[in-house]
Amino acid sequence: MTLSVRLSTEEESLLEMAARRSGRSKSELARQAVHELCHKLIREEQSSYSIGKDLFDKGLLSEAPDDSLKKQIWDKLRVKHGNLG
């Protein structure tokens, strides 16, 4: 697949410098960067924190969520921290 991307002058210079220093092509570096960033974003999206982030900072009176996965996280946090409610 062919993709065109507009880079700022600074980004272009950084890419050229990295390509020269690593002995790899700019395309290879760009493909690697896309690959690594996408995997990182997917991992973050699936992290325990991101799944349960709406449960944090609720205070002592928060109620159990309806979603079963979030309820499991909520229960584990309550056990870990001594039944916070």
PDB file of N, CA and C in Angstrom:
ATOM      1  N   MET A   1       0.838  -1.172   0.000  1.00  0.00           N
ATOM      2  CA  MET A   1       0.000   0.000   0.000  1.00  0.00           C
ATOM      3  C   MET A   1       0.887   1.241   0.000  1.00  0.00           C
ATOM      4  N   THR A   2       0.553   2.190  -0.762  1.00  0.00           N
ATOM      5  CA  THR A   2       1.288   3.445  -0.811  1.00  0.00           C
ATOM      6  C   THR A   2       0.540   4.483   0.015  1.00  0.00           C
ATOM      7  N   LEU A   3       1.302   5.257   0.778  1.00  0.00           N
ATOM      8  CA  LEU A   3       0.724   6.281   1.641  1.00  0.00           C
ATOM      9  C   LEU A   3       1.589   7.525   1.553  1.00  0.00           C
ATOM     10  N   SER A   4       0.966   8.671   1.383  1.00  0.00           N
ATOM     11  CA  SER A   4       1.704   9.932   1.388  1.00  0.00           C
ATOM     12  C   SER A   4       1.495  10.615   2.728  1.00  0.00           C
ATOM     13  N   VAL A   5       2.582  11.123   3.276  1.00  0.00           N
ATOM     14  CA  VAL A   5       2.519  11.802   4.564  1.00  0.00           C
ATOM     15  C   VAL A   5       3.287  13.109   4.446  1.00  0.00           C
ATOM     16  N   ARG A   6       2.692  14.180   4.908  1.00  0.00           N
ATOM     17  CA  ARG A   6       3.382  15.467   4.918  1.00  0.00           C
ATOM     18  C   ARG A   6       4.119  15.618   6.241  1.00  0.00           C
ATOM     19  N   LEU A   7       5.406  15.888   6.146  1.00  0.00           N
ATOM     20  CA  LEU A   7       6.234  16.090   7.332  1.00  0.00           C
ATOM     21  C   LEU A   7       6.663  17.544   7.406  1.00  0.00           C
ATOM     22  N   SER A   8       6.817  18.020   8.625  1.00  0.00           N
ATOM     23  CA  SER A   8       7.376  19.359   8.804  1.00  0.00           C
ATOM     24  C   SER A   8       8.856  19.290   8.429  1.00  0.00           C
ATOM     25  N   THR A   9       9.473  20.428   8.270  1.00  0.00           N
ATOM     26  CA  THR A   9      10.900  20.475   7.958  1.00  0.00           C
ATOM     27  C   THR A   9      11.701  19.780   9.051  1.00  0.00           C
ATOM     28  N   GLU A  10      11.344  20.012  10.293  1.00  0.00           N
ATOM     29  CA  GLU A  10      12.040  19.383  11.416  1.00  0.00           C
ATOM     30  C   GLU A  10      11.879  17.862  11.381  1.00  0.00           C
ATOM     31  N   GLU A  11      10.648  17.386  11.147  1.00  0.00           N
ATOM     32  CA  GLU A  11      10.408  15.937  11.095  1.00  0.00           C
ATOM     33  C   GLU A  11      11.177  15.290   9.943  1.00  0.00           C
ATOM     34  N   GLU A  12      11.208  15.969   8.809  1.00  0.00           N
ATOM     35  CA  GLU A  12      11.946  15.446   7.655  1.00  0.00           C
ATOM     36  C   GLU A  12      13.439  15.353   7.975  1.00  0.00           C
ATOM     37  N   SER A  13      13.980  16.386   8.611  1.00  0.00           N
ATOM     38  CA  SER A  13      15.399  16.380   8.974  1.00  0.00           C
ATOM     39  C   SER A  13      15.710  15.258   9.957  1.00  0.00           C
ATOM     40  N   LEU A  14      14.844  15.081  10.944  1.00  0.00           N
ATOM     41  CA  LEU A  14      15.042  14.007  11.915  1.00  0.00           C
ATOM     42  C   LEU A  14      15.014  12.636  11.243  1.00  0.00           C
ATOM     43  N   LEU A  15      14.076  12.454  10.327  1.00  0.00           N
ATOM     44  CA  LEU A  15      13.962  11.181   9.620  1.00  0.00           C
ATOM     45  C   LEU A  15      15.194  10.924   8.763  1.00  0.00           C
ATOM     46  N   GLU A  16      15.652  11.935   8.053  1.00  0.00           N
ATOM     47  CA  GLU A  16      16.852  11.789   7.215  1.00  0.00           C
ATOM     48  C   GLU A  16      18.081  11.473   8.066  1.00  0.00           C
ATOM     49  N   MET A  17      18.224  12.171   9.196  1.00  0.00           N
ATOM     50  CA  MET A  17      19.370  11.945  10.069  1.00  0.00           C
ATOM     51  C   MET A  17      19.335  10.520  10.636  1.00  0.00           C
ATOM     52  N   ALA A  18      18.165  10.094  11.087  1.00  0.00           N
ATOM     53  CA  ALA A  18      18.031   8.743  11.647  1.00  0.00           C
ATOM     54  C   ALA A  18      18.302   7.685  10.581  1.00  0.00           C
ATOM     55  N   ALA A  19      17.855   7.936   9.367  1.00  0.00           N
ATOM     56  CA  ALA A  19      18.088   6.985   8.273  1.00  0.00           C
ATOM     57  C   ALA A  19      19.578   6.878   7.970  1.00  0.00           C
ATOM     58  N   ARG A  20      20.254   8.012   7.900  1.00  0.00           N
ATOM     59  CA  ARG A  20      21.707   7.990   7.640  1.00  0.00           C
ATOM     60  C   ARG A  20      22.452   7.256   8.739  1.00  0.00           C
ATOM     61  N   ARG A  21      22.133   7.595   9.976  1.00  0.00           N
ATOM     62  CA  ARG A  21      22.854   7.010  11.115  1.00  0.00           C
ATOM     63  C   ARG A  21      22.586   5.516  11.271  1.00  0.00           C
ATOM     64  N   SER A  22      21.388   5.086  10.927  1.00  0.00           N
ATOM     65  CA  SER A  22      21.053   3.672  11.106  1.00  0.00           C
ATOM     66  C   SER A  22      21.355   2.834   9.865  1.00  0.00           C
ATOM     67  N   GLY A  23      21.616   3.520   8.732  1.00  0.00           N
ATOM     68  CA  GLY A  23      21.867   2.793   7.492  1.00  0.00           C
ATOM     69  C   GLY A  23      20.610   2.148   6.925  1.00  0.00           C
ATOM     70  N   ARG A  24      19.476   2.669   7.299  1.00  0.00           N
ATOM     71  CA  ARG A  24      18.202   2.142   6.809  1.00  0.00           C
ATOM     72  C   ARG A  24      17.499   3.205   6.006  1.00  0.00           C
ATOM     73  N   SER A  25      16.530   2.806   5.214  1.00  0.00           N
ATOM     74  CA  SER A  25      15.804   3.774   4.381  1.00  0.00           C
ATOM     75  C   SER A  25      14.789   4.540   5.227  1.00  0.00           C
ATOM     76  N   LYS A  26      14.405   5.706   4.736  1.00  0.00           N
ATOM     77  CA  LYS A  26      13.383   6.493   5.426  1.00  0.00           C
ATOM     78  C   LYS A  26      12.064   5.727   5.455  1.00  0.00           C
ATOM     79  N   SER A  27      11.770   5.022   4.384  1.00  0.00           N
ATOM     80  CA  SER A  27      10.525   4.232   4.340  1.00  0.00           C
ATOM     81  C   SER A  27      10.528   3.143   5.399  1.00  0.00           C
ATOM     82  N   GLU A  28      11.658   2.473   5.554  1.00  0.00           N
ATOM     83  CA  GLU A  28      11.758   1.412   6.560  1.00  0.00           C
ATOM     84  C   GLU A  28      11.550   1.978   7.956  1.00  0.00           C
ATOM     85  N   LEU A  29      12.168   3.124   8.231  1.00  0.00           N
ATOM     86  CA  LEU A  29      11.996   3.751   9.541  1.00  0.00           C
ATOM     87  C   LEU A  29      10.551   4.190   9.765  1.00  0.00           C
ATOM     88  N   ALA A  30       9.922   4.741   8.734  1.00  0.00           N
ATOM     89  CA  ALA A  30       8.533   5.182   8.857  1.00  0.00           C
ATOM     90  C   ALA A  30       7.614   3.985   9.104  1.00  0.00           C
ATOM     91  N   ARG A  31       7.836   2.878   8.387  1.00  0.00           N
ATOM     92  CA  ARG A  31       7.022   1.674   8.607  1.00  0.00           C
ATOM     93  C   ARG A  31       7.180   1.165  10.033  1.00  0.00           C
ATOM     94  N   GLN A  32       8.426   1.138  10.519  1.00  0.00           N
ATOM     95  CA  GLN A  32       8.682   0.675  11.887  1.00  0.00           C
ATOM     96  C   GLN A  32       7.999   1.591  12.897  1.00  0.00           C
ATOM     97  N   ALA A  33       8.074   2.894  12.666  1.00  0.00           N
ATOM     98  CA  ALA A  33       7.460   3.850  13.587  1.00  0.00           C
ATOM     99  C   ALA A  33       5.945   3.664  13.644  1.00  0.00           C
ATOM    100  N   VAL A  34       5.327   3.489  12.489  1.00  0.00           N
ATOM    101  CA  VAL A  34       3.875   3.270  12.442  1.00  0.00           C
ATOM    102  C   VAL A  34       3.532   1.975  13.180  1.00  0.00           C
ATOM    103  N   HIS A  35       4.287   0.932  12.908  1.00  0.00           N
ATOM    104  CA  HIS A  35       4.052  -0.371  13.534  1.00  0.00           C
ATOM    105  C   HIS A  35       4.139  -0.263  15.061  1.00  0.00           C
ATOM    106  N   GLU A  36       5.217   0.340  15.551  1.00  0.00           N
ATOM    107  CA  GLU A  36       5.420   0.436  16.995  1.00  0.00           C
ATOM    108  C   GLU A  36       4.373   1.327  17.664  1.00  0.00           C
ATOM    109  N   LEU A  37       4.038   2.447  17.045  1.00  0.00           N
ATOM    110  CA  LEU A  37       3.049   3.346  17.633  1.00  0.00           C
ATOM    111  C   LEU A  37       1.678   2.684  17.689  1.00  0.00           C
ATOM    112  N   CYS A  38       1.291   2.029  16.615  1.00  0.00           N
ATOM    113  CA  CYS A  38      -0.026   1.376  16.590  1.00  0.00           C
ATOM    114  C   CYS A  38      -0.117   0.289  17.645  1.00  0.00           C
ATOM    115  N   HIS A  39       0.922  -0.525  17.780  1.00  0.00           N
ATOM    116  CA  HIS A  39       0.911  -1.562  18.814  1.00  0.00           C
ATOM    117  C   HIS A  39       0.867  -0.947  20.204  1.00  0.00           C
ATOM    118  N   LYS A  40       1.591   0.137  20.423  1.00  0.00           N
ATOM    119  CA  LYS A  40       1.587   0.810  21.723  1.00  0.00           C
ATOM    120  C   LYS A  40       0.190   1.334  22.050  1.00  0.00           C
ATOM    121  N   LEU A  41      -0.461   1.967  21.080  1.00  0.00           N
ATOM    122  CA  LEU A  41      -1.801   2.510  21.309  1.00  0.00           C
ATOM    123  C   LEU A  41      -2.807   1.409  21.596  1.00  0.00           C
ATOM    124  N   ILE A  42      -2.687   0.291  20.902  1.00  0.00           N
ATOM    125  CA  ILE A  42      -3.592  -0.837  21.134  1.00  0.00           C
ATOM    126  C   ILE A  42      -3.372  -1.420  22.525  1.00  0.00           C
ATOM    127  N   ARG A  43      -2.097  -1.573  22.928  1.00  0.00           N
ATOM    128  CA  ARG A  43      -1.805  -2.083  24.276  1.00  0.00           C
ATOM    129  C   ARG A  43      -2.371  -1.150  25.346  1.00  0.00           C
ATOM    130  N   GLU A  44      -2.205   0.149  25.164  1.00  0.00           N
ATOM    131  CA  GLU A  44      -2.712   1.117  26.143  1.00  0.00           C
ATOM    132  C   GLU A  44      -4.231   1.052  26.232  1.00  0.00           C
ATOM    133  N   GLU A  45      -4.871   0.865  25.085  1.00  0.00           N
ATOM    134  CA  GLU A  45      -6.326   0.802  25.034  1.00  0.00           C
ATOM    135  C   GLU A  45      -6.842  -0.403  25.821  1.00  0.00           C
ATOM    136  N   GLN A  46      -6.042  -1.469  25.866  1.00  0.00           N
ATOM    137  CA  GLN A  46      -6.461  -2.698  26.518  1.00  0.00           C
ATOM    138  C   GLN A  46      -5.876  -2.854  27.921  1.00  0.00           C
ATOM    139  N   SER A  47      -5.211  -1.835  28.434  1.00  0.00           N
ATOM    140  CA  SER A  47      -4.595  -1.949  29.755  1.00  0.00           C
ATOM    141  C   SER A  47      -5.661  -1.971  30.846  1.00  0.00           C
ATOM    142  N   SER A  48      -5.314  -2.526  31.980  1.00  0.00           N
ATOM    143  CA  SER A  48      -6.242  -2.580  33.114  1.00  0.00           C
ATOM    144  C   SER A  48      -6.671  -1.178  33.520  1.00  0.00           C
ATOM    145  N   TYR A  49      -5.720  -0.242  33.476  1.00  0.00           N
ATOM    146  CA  TYR A  49      -6.063   1.131  33.861  1.00  0.00           C
ATOM    147  C   TYR A  49      -7.101   1.715  32.917  1.00  0.00           C
ATOM    148  N   SER A  50      -6.876   1.562  31.600  1.00  0.00           N
ATOM    149  CA  SER A  50      -7.807   2.182  30.659  1.00  0.00           C
ATOM    150  C   SER A  50      -9.191   1.546  30.731  1.00  0.00           C
ATOM    151  N   ILE A  51      -9.250   0.237  31.010  1.00  0.00           N
ATOM    152  CA  ILE A  51     -10.538  -0.437  31.116  1.00  0.00           C
ATOM    153  C   ILE A  51     -11.292   0.060  32.351  1.00  0.00           C
ATOM    154  N   GLY A  52     -10.587   0.294  33.447  1.00  0.00           N
ATOM    155  CA  GLY A  52     -11.251   0.676  34.688  1.00  0.00           C
ATOM    156  C   GLY A  52     -11.076   2.113  35.099  1.00  0.00           C
ATOM    157  N   LYS A  53     -10.578   2.972  34.186  1.00  0.00           N
ATOM    158  CA  LYS A  53     -10.253   4.337  34.605  1.00  0.00           C
ATOM    159  C   LYS A  53     -11.448   5.118  35.143  1.00  0.00           C
ATOM    160  N   ASP A  54     -12.665   4.784  34.706  1.00  0.00           N
ATOM    161  CA  ASP A  54     -13.819   5.496  35.246  1.00  0.00           C
ATOM    162  C   ASP A  54     -14.163   5.043  36.661  1.00  0.00           C
ATOM    163  N   LEU A  55     -13.479   4.003  37.160  1.00  0.00           N
ATOM    164  CA  LEU A  55     -13.690   3.547  38.536  1.00  0.00           C
ATOM    165  C   LEU A  55     -12.781   4.260  39.525  1.00  0.00           C
ATOM    166  N   PHE A  56     -11.694   4.833  39.037  1.00  0.00           N
ATOM    167  CA  PHE A  56     -10.725   5.468  39.923  1.00  0.00           C
ATOM    168  C   PHE A  56     -11.224   6.844  40.349  1.00  0.00           C
ATOM    169  N   ASP A  57     -10.832   7.252  41.533  1.00  0.00           N
ATOM    170  CA  ASP A  57     -11.207   8.552  42.104  1.00  0.00           C
ATOM    171  C   ASP A  57     -12.710   8.700  42.312  1.00  0.00           C
ATOM    172  N   LYS A  58     -13.407   7.605  42.537  1.00  0.00           N
ATOM    173  CA  LYS A  58     -14.843   7.667  42.790  1.00  0.00           C
ATOM    174  C   LYS A  58     -15.145   7.916  44.261  1.00  0.00           C
ATOM    175  N   GLY A  59     -14.177   7.668  45.113  1.00  0.00           N
ATOM    176  CA  GLY A  59     -14.397   7.854  46.542  1.00  0.00           C
ATOM    177  C   GLY A  59     -14.968   6.604  47.191  1.00  0.00           C
ATOM    178  N   LEU A  60     -15.263   6.708  48.447  1.00  0.00           N
ATOM    179  CA  LEU A  60     -15.703   5.551  49.214  1.00  0.00           C
ATOM    180  C   LEU A  60     -17.132   5.116  48.913  1.00  0.00           C
ATOM    181  N   LEU A  61     -17.940   5.978  48.362  1.00  0.00           N
ATOM    182  CA  LEU A  61     -19.352   5.669  48.191  1.00  0.00           C
ATOM    183  C   LEU A  61     -19.705   5.200  46.768  1.00  0.00           C
ATOM    184  N   SER A  62     -18.719   4.922  45.964  1.00  0.00           N
ATOM    185  CA  SER A  62     -19.025   4.513  44.588  1.00  0.00           C
ATOM    186  C   SER A  62     -19.735   3.169  44.577  1.00  0.00           C
ATOM    187  N   GLU A  63     -20.643   3.020  43.630  1.00  0.00           N
ATOM    188  CA  GLU A  63     -21.398   1.778  43.489  1.00  0.00           C
ATOM    189  C   GLU A  63     -20.758   0.900  42.430  1.00  0.00           C
ATOM    190  N   ALA A  64     -21.031  -0.382  42.497  1.00  0.00           N
ATOM    191  CA  ALA A  64     -20.474  -1.319  41.527  1.00  0.00           C
ATOM    192  C   ALA A  64     -21.000  -0.990  40.127  1.00  0.00           C
ATOM    193  N   PRO A  65     -20.123  -1.032  39.123  1.00  0.00           N
ATOM    194  CA  PRO A  65     -20.564  -0.760  37.757  1.00  0.00           C
ATOM    195  C   PRO A  65     -21.415  -1.906  37.213  1.00  0.00           C
ATOM    196  N   ASP A  66     -22.195  -1.621  36.180  1.00  0.00           N
ATOM    197  CA  ASP A  66     -23.033  -2.640  35.554  1.00  0.00           C
ATOM    198  C   ASP A  66     -22.244  -3.554  34.634  1.00  0.00           C
ATOM    199  N   ASP A  67     -21.249  -3.018  33.950  1.00  0.00           N
ATOM    200  CA  ASP A  67     -20.444  -3.798  33.015  1.00  0.00           C
ATOM    201  C   ASP A  67     -19.694  -4.897  33.775  1.00  0.00           C
ATOM    202  N   SER A  68     -19.793  -6.149  33.310  1.00  0.00           N
ATOM    203  CA  SER A  68     -19.227  -7.274  34.065  1.00  0.00           C
ATOM    204  C   SER A  68     -17.712  -7.208  34.183  1.00  0.00           C
ATOM    205  N   LEU A  69     -17.010  -6.780  33.119  1.00  0.00           N
ATOM    206  CA  LEU A  69     -15.553  -6.673  33.190  1.00  0.00           C
ATOM    207  C   LEU A  69     -15.145  -5.596  34.196  1.00  0.00           C
ATOM    208  N   LYS A  70     -15.815  -4.467  34.146  1.00  0.00           N
ATOM    209  CA  LYS A  70     -15.518  -3.384  35.092  1.00  0.00           C
ATOM    210  C   LYS A  70     -15.895  -3.791  36.515  1.00  0.00           C
ATOM    211  N   LYS A  71     -16.937  -4.594  36.666  1.00  0.00           N
ATOM    212  CA  LYS A  71     -17.334  -5.091  37.988  1.00  0.00           C
ATOM    213  C   LYS A  71     -16.249  -5.999  38.556  1.00  0.00           C
ATOM    214  N   GLN A  72     -15.634  -6.827  37.719  1.00  0.00           N
ATOM    215  CA  GLN A  72     -14.549  -7.696  38.176  1.00  0.00           C
ATOM    216  C   GLN A  72     -13.369  -6.867  38.678  1.00  0.00           C
ATOM    217  N   ILE A  73     -13.021  -5.826  37.923  1.00  0.00           N
ATOM    218  CA  ILE A  73     -11.923  -4.940  38.331  1.00  0.00           C
ATOM    219  C   ILE A  73     -12.295  -4.247  39.642  1.00  0.00           C
ATOM    220  N   TRP A  74     -13.522  -3.754  39.728  1.00  0.00           N
ATOM    221  CA  TRP A  74     -14.010  -3.069  40.927  1.00  0.00           C
ATOM    222  C   TRP A  74     -13.913  -3.984  42.136  1.00  0.00           C
ATOM    223  N   ASP A  75     -14.365  -5.239  41.972  1.00  0.00           N
ATOM    224  CA  ASP A  75     -14.309  -6.212  43.070  1.00  0.00           C
ATOM    225  C   ASP A  75     -12.869  -6.473  43.509  1.00  0.00           C
ATOM    226  N   LYS A  76     -11.962  -6.640  42.541  1.00  0.00           N
ATOM    227  CA  LYS A  76     -10.558  -6.907  42.876  1.00  0.00           C
ATOM    228  C   LYS A  76      -9.935  -5.725  43.620  1.00  0.00           C
ATOM    229  N   LEU A  77     -10.276  -4.510  43.214  1.00  0.00           N
ATOM    230  CA  LEU A  77      -9.760  -3.328  43.911  1.00  0.00           C
ATOM    231  C   LEU A  77     -10.287  -3.268  45.340  1.00  0.00           C
ATOM    232  N   ARG A  78     -11.554  -3.628  45.521  1.00  0.00           N
ATOM    233  CA  ARG A  78     -12.135  -3.616  46.862  1.00  0.00           C
ATOM    234  C   ARG A  78     -11.465  -4.648  47.753  1.00  0.00           C
ATOM    235  N   VAL A  79     -11.181  -5.839  47.215  1.00  0.00           N
ATOM    236  CA  VAL A  79     -10.495  -6.870  47.989  1.00  0.00           C
ATOM    237  C   VAL A  79      -9.073  -6.406  48.319  1.00  0.00           C
ATOM    238  N   LYS A  80      -8.395  -5.885  47.313  1.00  0.00           N
ATOM    239  CA  LYS A  80      -7.007  -5.446  47.499  1.00  0.00           C
ATOM    240  C   LYS A  80      -6.891  -4.351  48.553  1.00  0.00           C
ATOM    241  N   HIS A  81      -7.846  -3.439  48.543  1.00  0.00           N
ATOM    242  CA  HIS A  81      -7.757  -2.269  49.427  1.00  0.00           C
ATOM    243  C   HIS A  81      -8.698  -2.335  50.622  1.00  0.00           C
ATOM    244  N   GLY A  82      -9.186  -3.513  50.922  1.00  0.00           N
ATOM    245  CA  GLY A  82      -9.947  -3.715  52.152  1.00  0.00           C
ATOM    246  C   GLY A  82     -11.356  -3.170  52.130  1.00  0.00           C
ATOM    247  N   ASN A  83     -12.131  -3.526  51.125  1.00  0.00           N
ATOM    248  CA  ASN A  83     -13.564  -3.164  51.064  1.00  0.00           C
ATOM    249  C   ASN A  83     -13.762  -1.672  51.322  1.00  0.00           C
ATOM    250  N   LEU A  84     -13.444  -0.875  50.342  1.00  0.00           N
ATOM    251  CA  LEU A  84     -13.374   0.588  50.472  1.00  0.00           C
ATOM    252  C   LEU A  84     -14.699   1.274  50.770  1.00  0.00           C
ATOM    253  N   GLY A  85     -15.800   0.625  50.680  1.00  0.00           N
ATOM    254  CA  GLY A  85     -17.065   1.320  50.833  1.00  0.00           C
ATOM    255  C   GLY A  85     -17.667   1.192  52.118  1.00  0.00           C
TER     256      GLY A  85
END
